[in-house]
């Protein structure tokens, strides 16, 4: 019992005639996002490395957000989550995104605490 997969991306903004064209379209989108990440990693723009938000540089936030966008889109298209029921989509897609943000929250607070301990001089910088 097979059913047709939806042949559009970006919520119907771009439509394709076949699955092959859709795969190429998704590949091009993921390649562009990866190229942006690589270009930012190589050039490291000064305005993104000097400014910080929530104790982390803006460039790092951009890397985290773009990585989550790629992970979401790979799950959405290549795992065919768009064709599943909404409850399964939410369970598969939103749970890991929530856990990544939770891990990020924990890591930021722990890193800030360790930095404060070393900065205040209770423990010497031995590395």
N, C-alpha and C. Protein backbone atom coordinates (compact mmCIF):
# COMPACT_ATOMS: atom_id res chain seq x y z
N UNK A 1 0.84 -1.17 0.00
CA UNK A 1 0.00 0.00 0.00
C UNK A 1 0.89 1.24 0.00
N UNK A 2 1.26 1.70 -1.16
CA UNK A 2 2.13 2.86 -1.28
C UNK A 2 1.31 4.12 -1.49
N UNK A 3 1.87 5.22 -1.05
CA UNK A 3 1.22 6.50 -1.28
C UNK A 3 2.26 7.48 -1.79
N UNK A 4 1.81 8.49 -2.45
CA UNK A 4 2.70 9.48 -3.04
C UNK A 4 3.27 10.40 -1.98
N UNK A 5 4.54 10.70 -2.12
CA UNK A 5 5.18 11.66 -1.23
C UNK A 5 4.95 13.06 -1.79
N UNK A 6 4.92 14.02 -0.90
CA UNK A 6 4.75 15.40 -1.33
C UNK A 6 6.02 15.86 -2.03
N UNK A 7 5.86 16.53 -3.13
CA UNK A 7 7.01 16.93 -3.94
C UNK A 7 7.28 18.43 -3.84
N UNK A 8 7.14 18.99 -2.67
CA UNK A 8 7.46 20.41 -2.50
C UNK A 8 8.31 20.57 -1.24
N UNK A 9 9.03 21.67 -1.22
CA UNK A 9 9.82 22.02 -0.04
C UNK A 9 9.47 23.44 0.36
N UNK A 10 9.91 23.83 1.54
CA UNK A 10 9.63 25.15 2.10
C UNK A 10 8.13 25.42 2.16
N UNK A 11 7.39 24.45 2.68
CA UNK A 11 5.94 24.54 2.87
C UNK A 11 5.20 24.87 1.57
N UNK A 12 5.63 24.24 0.49
CA UNK A 12 4.95 24.40 -0.79
C UNK A 12 5.45 25.55 -1.64
N UNK A 13 6.47 26.26 -1.17
CA UNK A 13 6.99 27.41 -1.92
C UNK A 13 7.68 26.97 -3.21
N UNK A 14 8.42 25.85 -3.15
CA UNK A 14 9.11 25.31 -4.32
C UNK A 14 8.54 23.91 -4.57
N UNK A 15 8.05 23.67 -5.81
CA UNK A 15 7.45 22.37 -6.14
C UNK A 15 8.28 21.70 -7.22
N UNK A 16 8.35 20.38 -7.14
CA UNK A 16 9.13 19.59 -8.08
C UNK A 16 8.23 18.61 -8.82
N UNK A 17 8.72 18.11 -9.95
CA UNK A 17 7.94 17.18 -10.77
C UNK A 17 8.18 15.72 -10.39
N UNK A 18 9.35 15.42 -9.80
CA UNK A 18 9.66 14.03 -9.46
C UNK A 18 10.45 13.99 -8.15
N UNK A 19 10.57 12.80 -7.62
CA UNK A 19 11.34 12.62 -6.39
C UNK A 19 12.81 12.94 -6.61
N UNK A 20 13.32 12.62 -7.79
CA UNK A 20 14.72 12.91 -8.09
C UNK A 20 14.99 14.41 -8.05
N UNK A 21 14.11 15.20 -8.65
CA UNK A 21 14.28 16.65 -8.61
C UNK A 21 14.19 17.17 -7.17
N UNK A 22 13.31 16.59 -6.39
CA UNK A 22 13.17 17.03 -5.01
C UNK A 22 14.44 16.73 -4.22
N UNK A 23 15.01 15.57 -4.43
CA UNK A 23 16.26 15.21 -3.73
C UNK A 23 17.36 16.19 -4.10
N UNK A 24 17.46 16.54 -5.37
CA UNK A 24 18.46 17.52 -5.79
C UNK A 24 18.19 18.89 -5.18
N UNK A 25 16.92 19.28 -5.10
CA UNK A 25 16.57 20.56 -4.49
C UNK A 25 16.96 20.62 -3.02
N UNK A 26 16.67 19.54 -2.31
CA UNK A 26 17.04 19.49 -0.89
C UNK A 26 18.55 19.47 -0.74
N UNK A 27 19.25 18.73 -1.62
CA UNK A 27 20.71 18.70 -1.58
C UNK A 27 21.30 20.09 -1.81
N UNK A 28 20.73 20.83 -2.73
CA UNK A 28 21.23 22.18 -2.99
C UNK A 28 21.00 23.07 -1.78
N UNK A 29 19.82 22.97 -1.15
CA UNK A 29 19.55 23.76 0.06
C UNK A 29 20.54 23.43 1.17
N UNK A 30 20.75 22.15 1.42
CA UNK A 30 21.68 21.75 2.48
C UNK A 30 23.12 22.14 2.15
N UNK A 31 23.47 22.11 0.87
CA UNK A 31 24.81 22.52 0.45
C UNK A 31 25.01 24.02 0.69
N UNK A 32 23.99 24.81 0.40
CA UNK A 32 24.09 26.26 0.63
C UNK A 32 24.26 26.56 2.12
N UNK A 33 23.47 25.89 2.96
CA UNK A 33 23.59 26.12 4.41
C UNK A 33 24.97 25.71 4.90
N UNK A 34 25.49 24.58 4.41
CA UNK A 34 26.82 24.13 4.79
C UNK A 34 27.89 25.09 4.29
N UNK A 35 27.73 25.62 3.08
CA UNK A 35 28.70 26.58 2.53
C UNK A 35 28.72 27.85 3.37
N UNK A 36 27.55 28.28 3.83
CA UNK A 36 27.50 29.47 4.70
C UNK A 36 28.25 29.19 6.00
N UNK A 37 28.04 27.99 6.57
CA UNK A 37 28.75 27.63 7.80
C UNK A 37 30.26 27.61 7.59
N UNK A 38 30.70 27.00 6.51
CA UNK A 38 32.13 26.92 6.23
C UNK A 38 32.71 28.30 5.98
N UNK A 39 32.01 29.14 5.22
CA UNK A 39 32.50 30.50 4.94
C UNK A 39 32.61 31.31 6.23
N UNK A 40 31.62 31.19 7.11
CA UNK A 40 31.70 31.91 8.39
C UNK A 40 32.82 31.36 9.26
N UNK A 41 33.03 30.04 9.21
CA UNK A 41 34.11 29.44 9.99
C UNK A 41 35.49 29.85 9.51
N UNK A 42 35.64 30.04 8.21
CA UNK A 42 36.94 30.44 7.66
C UNK A 42 37.19 31.92 7.88
N UNK A 43 36.19 32.75 7.57
CA UNK A 43 36.41 34.20 7.66
C UNK A 43 36.28 34.73 9.08
N UNK A 44 35.44 34.14 9.89
CA UNK A 44 35.18 34.58 11.26
C UNK A 44 35.03 36.11 11.32
N UNK A 45 33.89 36.61 10.84
CA UNK A 45 33.69 38.07 10.84
C UNK A 45 33.86 38.67 12.24
N UNK A 46 34.53 39.79 12.29
CA UNK A 46 34.86 40.41 13.57
C UNK A 46 33.62 40.83 14.36
N UNK A 47 32.60 41.31 13.67
CA UNK A 47 31.40 41.75 14.39
C UNK A 47 30.65 40.57 15.02
N UNK A 48 30.88 39.36 14.52
CA UNK A 48 30.24 38.18 15.12
C UNK A 48 31.08 37.57 16.24
N UNK A 49 32.39 37.80 16.22
CA UNK A 49 33.24 37.25 17.27
C UNK A 49 33.42 38.21 18.44
N UNK A 50 33.19 39.50 18.22
CA UNK A 50 33.34 40.48 19.30
C UNK A 50 32.09 40.57 20.17
N UNK A 51 30.93 40.41 19.58
CA UNK A 51 29.67 40.52 20.33
C UNK A 51 29.27 39.17 20.88
N UNK A 52 28.64 39.19 22.05
CA UNK A 52 28.17 37.93 22.63
C UNK A 52 26.73 38.06 23.08
N UNK A 53 26.09 36.91 23.19
CA UNK A 53 24.70 36.82 23.63
C UNK A 53 24.60 35.60 24.53
N UNK A 54 24.13 35.78 25.76
CA UNK A 54 24.05 34.69 26.74
C UNK A 54 25.40 34.00 26.93
N UNK A 55 26.43 34.78 27.12
CA UNK A 55 27.79 34.31 27.43
C UNK A 55 28.42 33.49 26.32
N UNK A 56 27.96 33.66 25.08
CA UNK A 56 28.56 32.94 23.97
C UNK A 56 28.60 33.87 22.75
N UNK A 57 29.65 33.73 21.97
CA UNK A 57 29.80 34.59 20.80
C UNK A 57 28.66 34.35 19.80
N UNK A 58 28.31 35.43 19.09
CA UNK A 58 27.23 35.33 18.11
C UNK A 58 27.54 34.32 17.01
N UNK A 59 28.80 34.20 16.64
CA UNK A 59 29.19 33.23 15.61
C UNK A 59 28.86 31.81 16.05
N UNK A 60 29.09 31.49 17.31
CA UNK A 60 28.75 30.16 17.81
C UNK A 60 27.25 29.93 17.79
N UNK A 61 26.47 30.96 18.11
CA UNK A 61 25.01 30.83 18.05
C UNK A 61 24.56 30.55 16.62
N UNK A 62 25.18 31.23 15.66
CA UNK A 62 24.82 31.02 14.26
C UNK A 62 25.14 29.58 13.85
N UNK A 63 26.29 29.06 14.27
CA UNK A 63 26.64 27.67 13.96
C UNK A 63 25.62 26.70 14.56
N UNK A 64 25.22 26.93 15.80
CA UNK A 64 24.25 26.04 16.44
C UNK A 64 22.92 26.09 15.72
N UNK A 65 22.47 27.30 15.38
CA UNK A 65 21.16 27.44 14.71
C UNK A 65 21.19 26.80 13.32
N UNK A 66 22.25 27.03 12.55
CA UNK A 66 22.33 26.44 11.21
C UNK A 66 22.43 24.92 11.27
N UNK A 67 23.13 24.40 12.27
CA UNK A 67 23.21 22.94 12.43
C UNK A 67 21.85 22.35 12.77
N UNK A 68 21.10 23.03 13.62
CA UNK A 68 19.74 22.57 13.94
C UNK A 68 18.82 22.65 12.73
N UNK A 69 18.98 23.68 11.91
CA UNK A 69 18.18 23.80 10.69
C UNK A 69 18.47 22.62 9.76
N UNK A 70 19.74 22.29 9.59
CA UNK A 70 20.09 21.16 8.73
C UNK A 70 19.56 19.85 9.30
N UNK A 71 19.70 19.63 10.60
CA UNK A 71 19.20 18.40 11.21
C UNK A 71 17.69 18.29 11.06
N UNK A 72 17.00 19.39 11.29
CA UNK A 72 15.54 19.40 11.14
C UNK A 72 15.15 19.09 9.71
N UNK A 73 15.82 19.70 8.75
CA UNK A 73 15.44 19.51 7.36
C UNK A 73 15.75 18.11 6.86
N UNK A 74 16.88 17.55 7.32
CA UNK A 74 17.20 16.16 6.95
C UNK A 74 16.13 15.23 7.49
N UNK A 75 15.73 15.44 8.73
CA UNK A 75 14.68 14.62 9.32
C UNK A 75 13.37 14.83 8.58
N UNK A 76 13.05 16.05 8.25
CA UNK A 76 11.77 16.39 7.63
C UNK A 76 11.64 15.77 6.25
N UNK A 77 12.69 15.85 5.43
CA UNK A 77 12.59 15.37 4.05
C UNK A 77 13.09 13.95 3.86
N UNK A 78 14.26 13.63 4.35
CA UNK A 78 14.83 12.32 4.06
C UNK A 78 14.25 11.21 4.94
N UNK A 79 13.71 11.54 6.08
CA UNK A 79 13.03 10.54 6.90
C UNK A 79 11.52 10.58 6.64
N UNK A 80 11.09 11.42 5.70
CA UNK A 80 9.69 11.54 5.28
C UNK A 80 8.76 11.89 6.43
N UNK A 81 9.22 12.75 7.33
CA UNK A 81 8.37 13.14 8.45
C UNK A 81 7.19 13.99 8.02
N UNK A 82 7.30 14.67 6.89
CA UNK A 82 6.19 15.50 6.43
C UNK A 82 4.98 14.66 6.05
N UNK A 83 5.20 13.37 5.74
CA UNK A 83 4.10 12.49 5.35
C UNK A 83 3.49 11.75 6.53
N UNK A 84 4.04 11.92 7.73
CA UNK A 84 3.55 11.21 8.91
C UNK A 84 2.50 12.05 9.64
N UNK A 85 1.88 11.42 10.62
CA UNK A 85 0.91 12.13 11.46
C UNK A 85 1.64 13.16 12.31
N UNK A 86 0.94 14.20 12.69
CA UNK A 86 1.59 15.31 13.40
C UNK A 86 2.14 14.88 14.76
N UNK A 87 1.51 13.94 15.43
CA UNK A 87 2.01 13.52 16.74
C UNK A 87 3.36 12.82 16.61
N UNK A 88 3.54 11.99 15.59
CA UNK A 88 4.83 11.33 15.38
C UNK A 88 5.88 12.35 14.96
N UNK A 89 5.48 13.30 14.10
CA UNK A 89 6.43 14.35 13.70
C UNK A 89 6.94 15.12 14.89
N UNK A 90 6.04 15.50 15.77
CA UNK A 90 6.44 16.27 16.96
C UNK A 90 7.36 15.44 17.86
N UNK A 91 7.03 14.18 18.04
CA UNK A 91 7.84 13.33 18.91
C UNK A 91 9.25 13.14 18.36
N UNK A 92 9.36 12.96 17.05
CA UNK A 92 10.67 12.69 16.45
C UNK A 92 11.49 13.97 16.28
N UNK A 93 10.84 15.05 15.89
CA UNK A 93 11.59 16.26 15.55
C UNK A 93 11.79 17.18 16.75
N UNK A 94 10.74 17.48 17.49
CA UNK A 94 10.85 18.47 18.54
C UNK A 94 11.56 17.96 19.80
N UNK A 95 11.47 16.68 20.08
CA UNK A 95 12.14 16.14 21.27
C UNK A 95 13.65 16.33 21.20
N UNK A 96 14.32 15.92 20.11
CA UNK A 96 15.77 16.17 20.07
C UNK A 96 16.13 17.66 20.07
N UNK A 97 15.31 18.50 19.44
CA UNK A 97 15.61 19.93 19.45
C UNK A 97 15.52 20.46 20.88
N UNK A 98 14.50 20.05 21.62
CA UNK A 98 14.39 20.45 23.02
C UNK A 98 15.61 19.95 23.81
N UNK A 99 16.02 18.72 23.58
CA UNK A 99 17.15 18.17 24.33
C UNK A 99 18.46 18.87 23.98
N UNK A 100 18.62 19.29 22.74
CA UNK A 100 19.82 20.05 22.36
C UNK A 100 19.85 21.39 23.09
N UNK A 101 18.72 22.08 23.14
CA UNK A 101 18.67 23.35 23.86
C UNK A 101 18.89 23.15 25.36
N UNK A 102 18.37 22.07 25.91
CA UNK A 102 18.58 21.76 27.32
C UNK A 102 20.06 21.49 27.59
N UNK A 103 20.70 20.70 26.73
CA UNK A 103 22.13 20.44 26.87
C UNK A 103 22.94 21.73 26.74
N UNK A 104 22.57 22.57 25.82
CA UNK A 104 23.24 23.86 25.64
C UNK A 104 23.11 24.71 26.89
N UNK A 105 21.93 24.75 27.48
CA UNK A 105 21.69 25.49 28.72
C UNK A 105 22.60 24.97 29.84
N UNK A 106 22.66 23.67 30.01
CA UNK A 106 23.50 23.07 31.05
C UNK A 106 24.97 23.38 30.81
N UNK A 107 25.42 23.22 29.57
CA UNK A 107 26.83 23.47 29.26
C UNK A 107 27.22 24.92 29.50
N UNK A 108 26.35 25.86 29.14
CA UNK A 108 26.65 27.27 29.34
C UNK A 108 26.77 27.60 30.82
N UNK A 109 25.87 27.10 31.63
CA UNK A 109 25.94 27.40 33.06
C UNK A 109 27.14 26.74 33.72
N UNK A 110 27.45 25.51 33.35
CA UNK A 110 28.61 24.84 33.92
C UNK A 110 29.91 25.53 33.48
N UNK A 111 29.98 25.90 32.22
CA UNK A 111 31.19 26.58 31.73
C UNK A 111 31.36 27.93 32.40
N UNK A 112 30.27 28.65 32.61
CA UNK A 112 30.35 29.94 33.29
C UNK A 112 30.82 29.77 34.73
N UNK A 113 30.35 28.73 35.40
CA UNK A 113 30.79 28.46 36.77
C UNK A 113 32.28 28.14 36.82
N UNK A 114 32.74 27.28 35.92
CA UNK A 114 34.16 26.91 35.91
C UNK A 114 35.02 28.12 35.57
N UNK A 115 34.56 28.94 34.63
CA UNK A 115 35.29 30.16 34.30
C UNK A 115 35.38 31.08 35.52
N UNK A 116 34.28 31.21 36.24
CA UNK A 116 34.28 32.05 37.45
C UNK A 116 35.23 31.53 38.51
N UNK A 117 35.31 30.23 38.68
CA UNK A 117 36.23 29.65 39.66
C UNK A 117 37.66 29.96 39.27
N UNK A 118 38.01 29.76 38.01
CA UNK A 118 39.37 30.06 37.57
C UNK A 118 39.66 31.55 37.59
N UNK A 119 38.69 32.37 37.23
CA UNK A 119 38.90 33.82 37.17
C UNK A 119 39.11 34.41 38.56
N UNK A 120 38.37 33.94 39.55
CA UNK A 120 38.50 34.46 40.91
C UNK A 120 39.73 33.96 41.63
N UNK A 121 40.43 33.01 41.05
CA UNK A 121 41.71 32.60 41.60
C UNK A 121 41.65 31.50 42.64
N UNK A 122 40.52 30.85 42.79
CA UNK A 122 40.46 29.75 43.77
C UNK A 122 41.26 28.54 43.26
N UNK A 123 41.34 28.40 41.98
CA UNK A 123 42.12 27.33 41.37
C UNK A 123 43.00 27.97 40.31
N UNK A 124 44.26 27.56 40.24
CA UNK A 124 45.19 28.15 39.29
C UNK A 124 44.95 27.59 37.88
N UNK A 125 45.24 28.44 36.90
CA UNK A 125 45.18 27.96 35.51
C UNK A 125 46.37 27.05 35.30
N UNK A 126 46.17 25.77 35.21
CA UNK A 126 47.29 24.85 35.08
C UNK A 126 47.34 24.18 33.71
N UNK A 127 46.72 24.79 32.75
CA UNK A 127 46.78 24.21 31.41
C UNK A 127 46.90 25.30 30.39
